Amino acid sequence: MKLIVQIPCLNEEANIGATIRDIPREIPGLDRVEVLVIDDGSTDRTIEAAREAGADHVVSFINRKGLARAFMAGIDTALARGADIIVNTDADNQYRGEDIAVLIGPILRGEADIVVGDREVETIVHFSPVKKTLQKLGSWVVRKLSHTAVPDAASGFRAYNREAALSINVVSDFSYTLETLIQAGTGRLAVGHVPIRTNPQTRPSRLFTSTSGYLSRSVATLVRIYTMYQPLKVFSAIGGFSILIGTILSGRFLYYLITEGGRGKVQSLIFAAVFLIVGFQILVIGLLADTIASNRKLTDNVLYRVKKLESRREDDR
């Protein structure tokens, strides 16, 4: 059984070497451990430092494409290289390599398809109170949307078995962490979590440069991704709310029509009609979006089969 540890990185010359050297090359239950580095258009010596530290494979982008693209490039390359388990870790050496054995434990025991490392954010010293609160709140929202029990949704220390990796299709350009959990939950994959440790901070987060920016992009990603996978629920909620307001306004007009002859309350009837029409239109849009989502499931299934066939061809070579 082969494990490939993938490391998406950007200008990590100072940290990539320590991150690679910290990865154990022998883990019980595995025949081989390899390291794959995905360079997202670095302008320093990240690639050279990675090779010097012992990286087995390097994928390099000419220009910057973003963390999500780098993550998916790593997944595709690891599958093509015959990985049975794929572990994703950060290039800044945030996570301890020795915890990889703990992370993949549930997969080796057949208990999970995906395992997320729980950093237990309340114990991380360099996290501010605001960041800890946002991390906990965001994880709670993701748990509700994805129907999983992952306590640390933003953790990048994750393990995937081959079937889960074949099923993943990330479309976000911002980050893969939120989308993959929602996709796993809607796809009925078994998602587990284990407590893991972190190393002292080596540099400030590049995804969390400002609280407002991170929050707005995360919320936008969550809304877009959840709408993509559960459109009928989203549009039904919005359309139902509009219809409710229209019904209340209609009731108000009828009440004054009966009690006072409806004098001066025509505006209620006009607004009621607007809200009811808009509400029904949104419901129709929801039905159309749900049909599109069904087609997306078929597309995902086709992509899964294509990836599986391609990986088998690579294994046969």
Foldseek 3Di string as FASTA:
>chain_A
DEEEEEEEDAQLLPQQLVLLLQADQDAPPHDGYAYEYEYQQHPDCNVVSNVVSPHPYYHYDNHGQAAAVSVLVRLLVCLLVPHQKYWYDYRNQFFGNVCVNVQCVCVSVVNFQKEFEDAVVVPQPPQDPVRSVVQQVLQVVLCVLLVADDRGQPGRGMMGGNLLSLLDDDDDRYHDSSLSSNSCSLVVGGYYYDYGHTDPGPDDDPLPPDVVVNVVVSVVVNVVSSCLQQVLVVLLVVLVVLLVQLVVLVVVQVVCCVVPVSPPSVVSNVSSVVSNVVSVVSNVVSVVSVVVSVVVVVVSVVSSVVSVVSSVVSVVD
